[in-house]
Amino acid sequence: MHRQSDSDLTSLAASSPPRSPRRPVYYVMSPSNLDNEKLSIFGLSPAGSPVHQHYHQHPTHHRYASSPIHHSRESSTTRFSASLRNGYWRKVPQEIHGGDQEDVEKEEEEEERWGFRFYAVMFVVGFFLLFSLFSIILWGASKAYEPKISIKSLVFERYNIQAGMDFTGVPTKMISINSTVKMRFKNPATFFGVHVSSTPLQLFYYDLVIASGHMKEFYASRKNERLVTTVVLGKEVPVYGGGATLTSHNNGEPPAVVPFKLTFVVRARANVLGRLVRSKFYRAVRCSVSLHESRLGRPVDLRRACEYD
């Protein structure tokens, strides 16, 4: 009863519409699983996956799952869940805006660095300007406290004229003098002391140096005043033709009166602000004095006989 001929089968096969081939199933897995991702490219699923087992147990559901609508929903859901697990949606804005953010941060760091350098340079420049201004003020104020110098007296203690020869053997008169110069030095400054020195004190007979002496260096503190004594000596100094008029009562001649000039320069150095701010003072002294052989050992008053420059 149920047998059919070959013709019937042929006609039945010809009349029935051909079945459409099954579409392959695509699964999008997590990018962290590289093997599964390779398998999904070829439309295969792992043998041990729940999808594979579910396909064998429920073929009807498999056909439904293989439909385009279900495939699209499942693939989109899988991709979205995988992207959430791997942080894809969080990384995309960082990758897109990361370069701009880094540039902004670099610009801010550069601005902060240049701002710090600018303020540092301005601080240093301002400090030096203020210090220079303060130093100039101190230096100008120190000039108002110039040391005071006054020559009080000169004492001729010895005077001698004798015949002799110079170091080349030329015969000439020789003069010997022993004298002492007294000078008063005063430092009126209220906020600094001074170091005092001088050039050699020299006695001139016209243009010929007869005697000389060196004042000892000393330090004068604030508002300090002292009396400085310097010995000026000359021993057997040849006077050549200039000493033709020189006489001495030791040789049976009348007591001599010899004009001299005393010259020297007093130097004072004040460390107003250590070695950073210094002030220097120079005072040239020129005195005219006459030696009276009859008054040896008596001080000669020079308070009105000296000039100060």
C-alpha atoms as a PDB file:
ATOM      1  CA  MET A   1       0.000   0.000   0.000  1.00  0.00           C
ATOM      2  CA  HIS A   2       2.782   2.361   0.737  1.00  0.00           C
ATOM      3  CA  ARG A   3       4.971   1.505  -2.084  1.00  0.00           C
ATOM      4  CA  GLN A   4       5.501   4.097  -4.657  1.00  0.00           C
ATOM      5  CA  SER A   5       7.027   3.760  -7.983  1.00  0.00           C
ATOM      6  CA  ASP A   6      10.111   5.442  -9.144  1.00  0.00           C
ATOM      7  CA  SER A   7       8.081   7.725 -11.279  1.00  0.00           C
ATOM      8  CA  ASP A   8       5.989   8.796  -8.341  1.00  0.00           C
ATOM      9  CA  LEU A   9       9.097   9.586  -6.324  1.00  0.00           C
ATOM     10  CA  THR A  10      10.579  11.467  -9.194  1.00  0.00           C
ATOM     11  CA  SER A  11       7.463  13.509  -9.687  1.00  0.00           C
ATOM     12  CA  LEU A  12       7.203  14.182  -5.974  1.00  0.00           C
ATOM     13  CA  ALA A  13      10.773  15.349  -5.817  1.00  0.00           C
ATOM     14  CA  ALA A  14      10.248  17.553  -8.794  1.00  0.00           C
ATOM     15  CA  SER A  15       7.072  19.070  -7.403  1.00  0.00           C
ATOM     16  CA  SER A  16       8.425  19.823  -3.919  1.00  0.00           C
ATOM     17  CA  PRO A  17      10.399  23.017  -3.628  1.00  0.00           C
ATOM     18  CA  PRO A  18      14.102  22.697  -2.924  1.00  0.00           C
ATOM     19  CA  ARG A  19      15.202  23.360   0.617  1.00  0.00           C
ATOM     20  CA  SER A  20      17.421  26.331   1.193  1.00  0.00           C
ATOM     21  CA  PRO A  21      20.841  25.416   2.524  1.00  0.00           C
ATOM     22  CA  ARG A  22      21.414  26.041   6.177  1.00  0.00           C
ATOM     23  CA  ARG A  23      23.222  29.213   6.990  1.00  0.00           C
ATOM     24  CA  PRO A  24      26.334  28.865   9.146  1.00  0.00           C
ATOM     25  CA  VAL A  25      26.158  30.102  12.671  1.00  0.00           C
ATOM     26  CA  TYR A  26      28.576  32.940  13.683  1.00  0.00           C
ATOM     27  CA  TYR A  27      29.644  33.558  17.248  1.00  0.00           C
ATOM     28  CA  VAL A  28      31.647  36.572  18.416  1.00  0.00           C
ATOM     29  CA  MET A  29      33.659  35.655  21.440  1.00  0.00           C
ATOM     30  CA  SER A  30      35.852  37.662  23.792  1.00  0.00           C
ATOM     31  CA  PRO A  31      39.054  39.038  22.163  1.00  0.00           C
ATOM     32  CA  SER A  32      41.020  37.614  25.054  1.00  0.00           C
ATOM     33  CA  ASN A  33      40.325  34.039  23.815  1.00  0.00           C
ATOM     34  CA  LEU A  34      42.283  33.866  20.571  1.00  0.00           C
ATOM     35  CA  ASP A  35      41.528  30.209  19.760  1.00  0.00           C
ATOM     36  CA  ASN A  36      37.771  30.664  20.011  1.00  0.00           C
ATOM     37  CA  GLU A  37      38.037  33.818  17.920  1.00  0.00           C
ATOM     38  CA  LYS A  38      39.827  31.878  15.169  1.00  0.00           C
ATOM     39  CA  LEU A  39      37.119  29.222  15.239  1.00  0.00           C
ATOM     40  CA  SER A  40      34.350  31.812  15.005  1.00  0.00           C
ATOM     41  CA  ILE A  41      35.861  33.108  11.786  1.00  0.00           C
ATOM     42  CA  PHE A  42      35.133  29.777  10.069  1.00  0.00           C
ATOM     43  CA  GLY A  43      31.626  29.492  11.540  1.00  0.00           C
ATOM     44  CA  LEU A  44      32.585  26.806  14.041  1.00  0.00           C
ATOM     45  CA  SER A  45      31.923  26.654  17.724  1.00  0.00           C
ATOM     46  CA  PRO A  46      33.933  24.806  20.314  1.00  0.00           C
ATOM     47  CA  ALA A  47      32.741  21.223  20.828  1.00  0.00           C
ATOM     48  CA  GLY A  48      32.434  21.623  24.545  1.00  0.00           C
ATOM     49  CA  SER A  49      30.521  24.890  24.503  1.00  0.00           C
ATOM     50  CA  PRO A  50      26.955  25.086  25.812  1.00  0.00           C
ATOM     51  CA  VAL A  51      25.801  26.221  22.398  1.00  0.00           C
ATOM     52  CA  HIS A  52      27.071  23.020  20.779  1.00  0.00           C
ATOM     53  CA  GLN A  53      25.379  20.810  23.335  1.00  0.00           C
ATOM     54  CA  HIS A  54      22.165  22.795  23.043  1.00  0.00           C
ATOM     55  CA  TYR A  55      22.229  22.361  19.282  1.00  0.00           C
ATOM     56  CA  HIS A  56      22.278  18.551  19.544  1.00  0.00           C
ATOM     57  CA  GLN A  57      19.573  18.390  22.163  1.00  0.00           C
ATOM     58  CA  HIS A  58      17.135  20.880  20.612  1.00  0.00           C
ATOM     59  CA  PRO A  59      17.474  20.962  16.846  1.00  0.00           C
ATOM     60  CA  THR A  60      14.343  23.019  16.575  1.00  0.00           C
ATOM     61  CA  HIS A  61      15.851  25.747  18.729  1.00  0.00           C
ATOM     62  CA  HIS A  62      18.950  25.532  16.615  1.00  0.00           C
ATOM     63  CA  ARG A  63      16.987  26.369  13.544  1.00  0.00           C
ATOM     64  CA  TYR A  64      15.507  29.295  15.372  1.00  0.00           C
ATOM     65  CA  ALA A  65      18.905  30.399  16.546  1.00  0.00           C
ATOM     66  CA  SER A  66      20.225  30.143  13.033  1.00  0.00           C
ATOM     67  CA  SER A  67      17.662  32.585  11.769  1.00  0.00           C
ATOM     68  CA  PRO A  68      18.988  36.027  10.731  1.00  0.00           C
ATOM     69  CA  ILE A  69      17.096  37.889  13.431  1.00  0.00           C
ATOM     70  CA  HIS A  70      18.296  35.722  16.255  1.00  0.00           C
ATOM     71  CA  HIS A  71      21.767  35.655  14.837  1.00  0.00           C
ATOM     72  CA  SER A  72      22.004  39.394  14.733  1.00  0.00           C
ATOM     73  CA  ARG A  73      20.648  39.792  18.252  1.00  0.00           C
ATOM     74  CA  GLU A  74      22.885  37.145  19.701  1.00  0.00           C
ATOM     75  CA  SER A  75      25.990  38.398  17.931  1.00  0.00           C
ATOM     76  CA  SER A  76      25.337  41.995  18.986  1.00  0.00           C
ATOM     77  CA  THR A  77      24.672  40.938  22.554  1.00  0.00           C
ATOM     78  CA  THR A  78      27.805  38.857  22.622  1.00  0.00           C
ATOM     79  CA  ARG A  79      29.905  41.664  21.243  1.00  0.00           C
ATOM     80  CA  PHE A  80      28.453  44.188  23.707  1.00  0.00           C
ATOM     81  CA  SER A  81      29.028  41.897  26.690  1.00  0.00           C
ATOM     82  CA  ALA A  82      32.559  41.141  25.508  1.00  0.00           C
ATOM     83  CA  SER A  83      33.255  44.832  25.093  1.00  0.00           C
ATOM     84  CA  LEU A  84      32.032  45.499  28.621  1.00  0.00           C
ATOM     85  CA  ARG A  85      34.220  42.735  30.024  1.00  0.00           C
ATOM     86  CA  ASN A  86      37.334  43.940  28.215  1.00  0.00           C
ATOM     87  CA  GLY A  87      36.714  47.607  28.911  1.00  0.00           C
ATOM     88  CA  TYR A  88      36.497  48.456  25.233  1.00  0.00           C
ATOM     89  CA  TRP A  89      34.068  51.347  25.664  1.00  0.00           C
ATOM     90  CA  ARG A  90      36.255  52.848  28.333  1.00  0.00           C
ATOM     91  CA  LYS A  91      39.407  52.583  26.245  1.00  0.00           C
ATOM     92  CA  VAL A  92      38.026  54.144  23.091  1.00  0.00           C
ATOM     93  CA  PRO A  93      37.579  57.663  24.593  1.00  0.00           C
ATOM     94  CA  GLN A  94      41.022  57.426  26.183  1.00  0.00           C
ATOM     95  CA  GLU A  95      42.577  56.426  22.872  1.00  0.00           C
ATOM     96  CA  ILE A  96      40.703  59.136  21.024  1.00  0.00           C
ATOM     97  CA  HIS A  97      41.229  61.926  23.555  1.00  0.00           C
ATOM     98  CA  GLY A  98      44.404  60.623  25.196  1.00  0.00           C
ATOM     99  CA  GLY A  99      46.718  62.532  22.892  1.00  0.00           C
ATOM    100  CA  ASP A 100      44.921  65.842  23.475  1.00  0.00           C
ATOM    101  CA  GLN A 101      44.872  65.285  27.235  1.00  0.00           C
ATOM    102  CA  GLU A 102      48.569  64.515  27.297  1.00  0.00           C
ATOM    103  CA  ASP A 103      49.265  67.634  25.236  1.00  0.00           C
ATOM    104  CA  VAL A 104      47.211  69.745  27.649  1.00  0.00           C
ATOM    105  CA  GLU A 105      49.014  68.241  30.635  1.00  0.00           C
ATOM    106  CA  LYS A 106      52.386  68.852  28.999  1.00  0.00           C
ATOM    107  CA  GLU A 107      51.424  72.459  28.247  1.00  0.00           C
ATOM    108  CA  GLU A 108      50.298  72.965  31.845  1.00  0.00           C
ATOM    109  CA  GLU A 109      53.531  71.469  33.183  1.00  0.00           C
ATOM    110  CA  GLU A 110      55.546  73.636  30.804  1.00  0.00           C
ATOM    111  CA  GLU A 111      53.629  76.730  31.888  1.00  0.00           C
ATOM    112  CA  GLU A 112      54.195  75.883  35.548  1.00  0.00           C
ATOM    113  CA  ARG A 113      57.892  75.311  34.889  1.00  0.00           C
ATOM    114  CA  TRP A 114      58.281  78.591  33.029  1.00  0.00           C
ATOM    115  CA  GLY A 115      56.248  80.383  35.693  1.00  0.00           C
ATOM    116  CA  PHE A 116      58.553  79.071  38.409  1.00  0.00           C
ATOM    117  CA  ARG A 117      61.620  80.087  36.418  1.00  0.00           C
ATOM    118  CA  PHE A 118      60.168  83.534  35.788  1.00  0.00           C
ATOM    119  CA  TYR A 119      59.457  84.135  39.469  1.00  0.00           C
ATOM    120  CA  ALA A 120      62.898  82.799  40.423  1.00  0.00           C
ATOM    121  CA  VAL A 121      64.629  85.114  37.949  1.00  0.00           C
ATOM    122  CA  MET A 122      62.534  88.065  39.081  1.00  0.00           C
ATOM    123  CA  PHE A 123      63.366  87.303  42.714  1.00  0.00           C
ATOM    124  CA  VAL A 124      67.100  87.159  41.980  1.00  0.00           C
ATOM    125  CA  VAL A 125      67.008  90.334  39.881  1.00  0.00           C
ATOM    126  CA  GLY A 126      64.938  92.147  42.504  1.00  0.00           C
ATOM    127  CA  PHE A 127      67.274  91.009  45.262  1.00  0.00           C
ATOM    128  CA  PHE A 128      70.334  92.273  43.413  1.00  0.00           C
ATOM    129  CA  LEU A 129      68.629  95.568  42.615  1.00  0.00           C
ATOM    130  CA  LEU A 130      67.627  96.097  46.223  1.00  0.00           C
ATOM    131  CA  PHE A 131      71.051  95.063  47.468  1.00  0.00           C
ATOM    132  CA  SER A 132      72.757  97.368  44.962  1.00  0.00           C
ATOM    133  CA  LEU A 133      70.512 100.233  46.002  1.00  0.00           C
ATOM    134  CA  PHE A 134      71.178  99.552  49.667  1.00  0.00           C
ATOM    135  CA  SER A 135      74.937  99.339  49.004  1.00  0.00           C
ATOM    136  CA  ILE A 136      74.938 102.635  47.109  1.00  0.00           C
ATOM    137  CA  ILE A 137      73.069 104.292  49.965  1.00  0.00           C
ATOM    138  CA  LEU A 138      75.585 102.966  52.490  1.00  0.00           C
ATOM    139  CA  TRP A 139      78.520 103.974  50.294  1.00  0.00           C
ATOM    140  CA  GLY A 140      77.112 107.477  49.870  1.00  0.00           C
ATOM    141  CA  ALA A 141      76.448 107.774  53.589  1.00  0.00           C
ATOM    142  CA  SER A 142      80.013 106.697  54.407  1.00  0.00           C
ATOM    143  CA  LYS A 143      81.441 109.544  52.334  1.00  0.00           C
ATOM    144  CA  ALA A 144      79.980 111.994  54.804  1.00  0.00           C
ATOM    145  CA  TYR A 145      82.238 110.554  57.525  1.00  0.00           C
ATOM    146  CA  GLU A 146      85.646 111.364  56.071  1.00  0.00           C
ATOM    147  CA  PRO A 147      88.471 110.897  58.591  1.00  0.00           C
ATOM    148  CA  LYS A 148      89.983 114.035  60.092  1.00  0.00           C
ATOM    149  CA  ILE A 149      93.761 114.523  59.975  1.00  0.00           C
ATOM    150  CA  SER A 150      95.832 117.247  61.536  1.00  0.00           C
ATOM    151  CA  ILE A 151      99.632 117.520  61.883  1.00  0.00           C
ATOM    152  CA  LYS A 152     100.387 118.800  65.343  1.00  0.00           C
ATOM    153  CA  SER A 153     104.144 119.181  65.487  1.00  0.00           C
ATOM    154  CA  LEU A 154     107.541 118.140  64.227  1.00  0.00           C
ATOM    155  CA  VAL A 155     110.581 117.843  66.436  1.00  0.00           C
ATOM    156  CA  PHE A 156     114.133 118.036  65.020  1.00  0.00           C
ATOM    157  CA  GLU A 157     116.269 116.096  67.396  1.00  0.00           C
ATOM    158  CA  ARG A 158     119.497 115.929  65.422  1.00  0.00           C
ATOM    159  CA  TYR A 159     121.129 117.922  62.661  1.00  0.00           C
ATOM    160  CA  ASN A 160     124.642 117.377  61.345  1.00  0.00           C
ATOM    161  CA  ILE A 161     126.619 118.563  58.281  1.00  0.00           C
ATOM    162  CA  GLN A 162     129.944 116.992  57.383  1.00  0.00           C
ATOM    163  CA  ALA A 163     132.155 116.460  54.402  1.00  0.00           C
ATOM    164  CA  GLY A 164     132.122 113.073  52.747  1.00  0.00           C
ATOM    165  CA  MET A 165     131.811 111.131  49.505  1.00  0.00           C
ATOM    166  CA  ASP A 166     128.834 109.440  47.882  1.00  0.00           C
ATOM    167  CA  PHE A 167     128.811 105.759  46.832  1.00  0.00           C
ATOM    168  CA  THR A 168     130.618 106.625  43.564  1.00  0.00           C
ATOM    169  CA  GLY A 169     133.428 108.429  45.376  1.00  0.00           C
ATOM    170  CA  VAL A 170     132.367 111.981  44.509  1.00  0.00           C
ATOM    171  CA  PRO A 171     133.239 114.396  47.384  1.00  0.00           C
ATOM    172  CA  THR A 172     130.249 116.356  48.715  1.00  0.00           C
ATOM    173  CA  LYS A 173     128.606 117.500  51.914  1.00  0.00           C
ATOM    174  CA  MET A 174     126.636 114.902  53.845  1.00  0.00           C
ATOM    175  CA  ILE A 175     123.581 115.732  55.994  1.00  0.00           C
ATOM    176  CA  SER A 176     122.072 113.695  58.812  1.00  0.00           C
ATOM    177  CA  ILE A 177     118.672 114.444  60.376  1.00  0.00           C
ATOM    178  CA  ASN A 178     116.622 112.762  63.090  1.00  0.00           C
ATOM    179  CA  SER A 179     113.050 114.042  63.558  1.00  0.00           C
ATOM    180  CA  THR A 180     109.638 112.983  64.856  1.00  0.00           C
ATOM    181  CA  VAL A 181     106.243 113.889  63.391  1.00  0.00           C
ATOM    182  CA  LYS A 182     103.099 113.870  65.516  1.00  0.00           C
ATOM    183  CA  MET A 183      99.725 113.615  63.814  1.00  0.00           C
ATOM    184  CA  ARG A 184      96.186 113.421  65.195  1.00  0.00           C
ATOM    185  CA  PHE A 185      93.779 111.061  63.445  1.00  0.00           C
ATOM    186  CA  LYS A 186      90.017 111.000  64.077  1.00  0.00           C
ATOM    187  CA  ASN A 187      87.354 108.633  62.713  1.00  0.00           C
ATOM    188  CA  PRO A 188      83.944 110.357  63.082  1.00  0.00           C
ATOM    189  CA  ALA A 189      81.960 107.453  61.573  1.00  0.00           C
ATOM    190  CA  THR A 190      79.246 105.955  63.745  1.00  0.00           C
ATOM    191  CA  PHE A 191      78.758 102.625  61.939  1.00  0.00           C
ATOM    192  CA  PHE A 192      82.150 101.550  60.550  1.00  0.00           C
ATOM    193  CA  GLY A 193      85.837 101.498  61.418  1.00  0.00           C
ATOM    194  CA  VAL A 194      88.764 102.255  59.121  1.00  0.00           C
ATOM    195  CA  HIS A 195      92.156 100.715  58.349  1.00  0.00           C
ATOM    196  CA  VAL A 196      94.746 103.494  58.129  1.00  0.00           C
ATOM    197  CA  SER A 197      98.061 103.532  56.294  1.00  0.00           C
ATOM    198  CA  SER A 198     100.169 106.118  54.487  1.00  0.00           C
ATOM    199  CA  THR A 199     102.846 106.674  51.929  1.00  0.00           C
ATOM    200  CA  PRO A 200     106.363 107.346  53.301  1.00  0.00           C
ATOM    201  CA  LEU A 201     106.735 110.658  55.114  1.00  0.00           C
ATOM    202  CA  GLN A 202     109.462 112.562  53.279  1.00  0.00           C
ATOM    203  CA  LEU A 203     111.459 115.701  54.105  1.00  0.00           C
ATOM    204  CA  PHE A 204     112.569 117.593  51.009  1.00  0.00           C
ATOM    205  CA  TYR A 205     115.380 120.114  50.798  1.00  0.00           C
ATOM    206  CA  TYR A 206     114.182 121.758  47.608  1.00  0.00           C
ATOM    207  CA  ASP A 207     113.889 118.740  45.299  1.00  0.00           C
ATOM    208  CA  LEU A 208     116.241 116.529  47.260  1.00  0.00           C
ATOM    209  CA  VAL A 209     114.881 113.961  49.710  1.00  0.00           C
ATOM    210  CA  ILE A 210     116.765 114.385  52.968  1.00  0.00           C
ATOM    211  CA  ALA A 211     114.855 112.064  55.301  1.00  0.00           C
ATOM    212  CA  SER A 212     111.917 109.652  55.201  1.00  0.00           C
ATOM    213  CA  GLY A 213     109.851 107.515  57.546  1.00  0.00           C
ATOM    214  CA  HIS A 214     106.986 104.995  57.503  1.00  0.00           C
ATOM    215  CA  MET A 215     103.889 105.300  59.610  1.00  0.00           C
ATOM    216  CA  LYS A 216     102.682 102.057  61.190  1.00  0.00           C
ATOM    217  CA  GLU A 217      99.336 100.845  59.953  1.00  0.00           C
ATOM    218  CA  PHE A 218      96.520 100.774  62.497  1.00  0.00           C
ATOM    219  CA  TYR A 219      92.782 100.304  62.831  1.00  0.00           C
ATOM    220  CA  ALA A 220      90.551 103.098  64.071  1.00  0.00           C
ATOM    221  CA  SER A 221      87.202 101.964  65.394  1.00  0.00           C
ATOM    222  CA  ARG A 222      83.987 103.998  65.370  1.00  0.00           C
ATOM    223  CA  LYS A 223      84.301 107.482  66.837  1.00  0.00           C
ATOM    224  CA  ASN A 224      87.929 106.813  67.562  1.00  0.00           C
ATOM    225  CA  GLU A 225      90.639 109.466  67.938  1.00  0.00           C
ATOM    226  CA  ARG A 226      94.340 108.874  68.458  1.00  0.00           C
ATOM    227  CA  LEU A 227      97.767 110.509  68.299  1.00  0.00           C
ATOM    228  CA  VAL A 228     100.129 108.920  65.780  1.00  0.00           C
ATOM    229  CA  THR A 229     103.902 109.363  66.042  1.00  0.00           C
ATOM    230  CA  THR A 230     106.268 108.659  63.145  1.00  0.00           C
ATOM    231  CA  VAL A 231     110.043 108.882  63.075  1.00  0.00           C
ATOM    232  CA  VAL A 232     111.606 110.496  60.002  1.00  0.00           C
ATOM    233  CA  LEU A 233     115.330 109.811  59.569  1.00  0.00           C
ATOM    234  CA  GLY A 234     118.102 110.694  57.178  1.00  0.00           C
ATOM    235  CA  LYS A 235     121.680 109.526  57.622  1.00  0.00           C
ATOM    236  CA  GLU A 236     124.634 110.898  55.654  1.00  0.00           C
ATOM    237  CA  VAL A 237     122.613 111.908  52.644  1.00  0.00           C
ATOM    238  CA  PRO A 238     124.772 113.588  49.926  1.00  0.00           C
ATOM    239  CA  VAL A 239     123.500 117.058  48.991  1.00  0.00           C
ATOM    240  CA  TYR A 240     126.005 117.838  46.175  1.00  0.00           C
ATOM    241  CA  GLY A 241     125.797 121.413  44.927  1.00  0.00           C
ATOM    242  CA  GLY A 242     122.527 122.164  46.719  1.00  0.00           C
ATOM    243  CA  GLY A 243     124.192 121.942  50.079  1.00  0.00           C
ATOM    244  CA  ALA A 244     126.797 124.605  49.432  1.00  0.00           C
ATOM    245  CA  THR A 245     124.939 127.087  51.649  1.00  0.00           C
ATOM    246  CA  LEU A 246     124.346 124.618  54.453  1.00  0.00           C
ATOM    247  CA  THR A 247     126.186 125.451  57.632  1.00  0.00           C
ATOM    248  CA  SER A 248     126.511 124.043  61.122  1.00  0.00           C
ATOM    249  CA  HIS A 249     127.774 125.493  64.355  1.00  0.00           C
ATOM    250  CA  ASN A 250     129.711 122.251  64.896  1.00  0.00           C
ATOM    251  CA  ASN A 251     132.035 123.460  62.121  1.00  0.00           C
ATOM    252  CA  GLY A 252     132.476 126.878  63.742  1.00  0.00           C
ATOM    253  CA  GLU A 253     129.767 128.481  61.637  1.00  0.00           C
ATOM    254  CA  PRO A 254     126.615 130.256  62.785  1.00  0.00           C
ATOM    255  CA  PRO A 255     123.580 128.101  63.610  1.00  0.00           C
ATOM    256  CA  ALA A 256     121.860 126.963  60.439  1.00  0.00           C
ATOM    257  CA  VAL A 257     118.290 127.672  59.371  1.00  0.00           C
ATOM    258  CA  VAL A 258     117.246 125.101  56.762  1.00  0.00           C
ATOM    259  CA  PRO A 259     113.820 125.127  55.012  1.00  0.00           C
ATOM    260  CA  PHE A 260     112.152 121.773  54.511  1.00  0.00           C
ATOM    261  CA  LYS A 261     108.916 120.437  53.123  1.00  0.00           C
ATOM    262  CA  LEU A 262     107.098 117.488  54.606  1.00  0.00           C
ATOM    263  CA  THR A 263     104.795 115.550  52.260  1.00  0.00           C
ATOM    264  CA  PHE A 264     102.845 112.293  52.485  1.00  0.00           C
ATOM    265  CA  VAL A 265      99.383 110.823  51.760  1.00  0.00           C
ATOM    266  CA  VAL A 266      97.172 109.232  54.394  1.00  0.00           C
ATOM    267  CA  ARG A 267      94.967 106.342  53.183  1.00  0.00           C
ATOM    268  CA  ALA A 268      91.926 105.044  55.045  1.00  0.00           C
ATOM    269  CA  ARG A 269      89.858 102.039  53.966  1.00  0.00           C
ATOM    270  CA  ALA A 270      86.435 101.418  55.477  1.00  0.00           C
ATOM    271  CA  ASN A 271      84.647  98.066  55.209  1.00  0.00           C
ATOM    272  CA  VAL A 272      81.135  99.453  55.404  1.00  0.00           C
ATOM    273  CA  LEU A 273      79.409  96.120  54.634  1.00  0.00           C
ATOM    274  CA  GLY A 274      82.218  93.619  54.931  1.00  0.00           C
ATOM    275  CA  ARG A 275      84.175  93.281  51.724  1.00  0.00           C
ATOM    276  CA  LEU A 276      81.086  93.827  49.598  1.00  0.00           C
ATOM    277  CA  VAL A 277      80.860  97.574  50.223  1.00  0.00           C
ATOM    278  CA  ARG A 278      84.122  99.447  50.757  1.00  0.00           C
ATOM    279  CA  SER A 279      84.859 103.103  50.979  1.00  0.00           C
ATOM    280  CA  LYS A 280      88.329 104.595  50.591  1.00  0.00           C
ATOM    281  CA  PHE A 281      89.628 107.980  51.704  1.00  0.00           C
ATOM    282  CA  TYR A 282      92.809 109.747  50.637  1.00  0.00           C
ATOM    283  CA  ARG A 283      94.260 112.845  52.221  1.00  0.00           C
ATOM    284  CA  ALA A 284      97.427 114.474  50.885  1.00  0.00           C
ATOM    285  CA  VAL A 285      99.418 116.504  53.399  1.00  0.00           C
ATOM    286  CA  ARG A 286     102.004 119.184  52.593  1.00  0.00           C
ATOM    287  CA  CYS A 287     103.747 121.121  55.342  1.00  0.00           C
ATOM    288  CA  SER A 288     106.404 123.820  55.217  1.00  0.00           C
ATOM    289  CA  VAL A 289     108.773 123.787  58.143  1.00  0.00           C
ATOM    290  CA  SER A 290     112.133 125.335  58.922  1.00  0.00           C
ATOM    291  CA  LEU A 291     114.860 123.744  60.967  1.00  0.00           C
ATOM    292  CA  HIS A 292     116.512 126.067  63.464  1.00  0.00           C
ATOM    293  CA  GLU A 293     119.702 124.545  64.663  1.00  0.00           C
ATOM    294  CA  SER A 294     119.519 126.615  67.823  1.00  0.00           C
ATOM    295  CA  ARG A 295     116.119 125.016  68.724  1.00  0.00           C
ATOM    296  CA  LEU A 296     116.916 121.371  68.354  1.00  0.00           C
ATOM    297  CA  GLY A 297     114.687 119.167  70.506  1.00  0.00           C
ATOM    298  CA  ARG A 298     111.838 121.672  70.615  1.00  0.00           C
ATOM    299  CA  PRO A 299     108.553 120.867  68.832  1.00  0.00           C
ATOM    300  CA  VAL A 300     107.673 123.050  65.867  1.00  0.00           C
ATOM    301  CA  ASP A 301     103.973 123.844  65.669  1.00  0.00           C
ATOM    302  CA  LEU A 302     102.573 122.814  62.267  1.00  0.00           C
ATOM    303  CA  ARG A 303      98.827 123.296  62.788  1.00  0.00           C
ATOM    304  CA  ARG A 304      98.868 126.367  60.542  1.00  0.00           C
ATOM    305  CA  ALA A 305     101.725 125.323  58.316  1.00  0.00           C
ATOM    306  CA  CYS A 306     100.073 122.372  56.528  1.00  0.00           C
ATOM    307  CA  GLU A 307      97.734 122.007  53.584  1.00  0.00           C
ATOM    308  CA  TYR A 308      95.317 119.087  53.177  1.00  0.00           C
ATOM    309  CA  ASP A 309      93.930 117.880  49.860  1.00  0.00           C
END
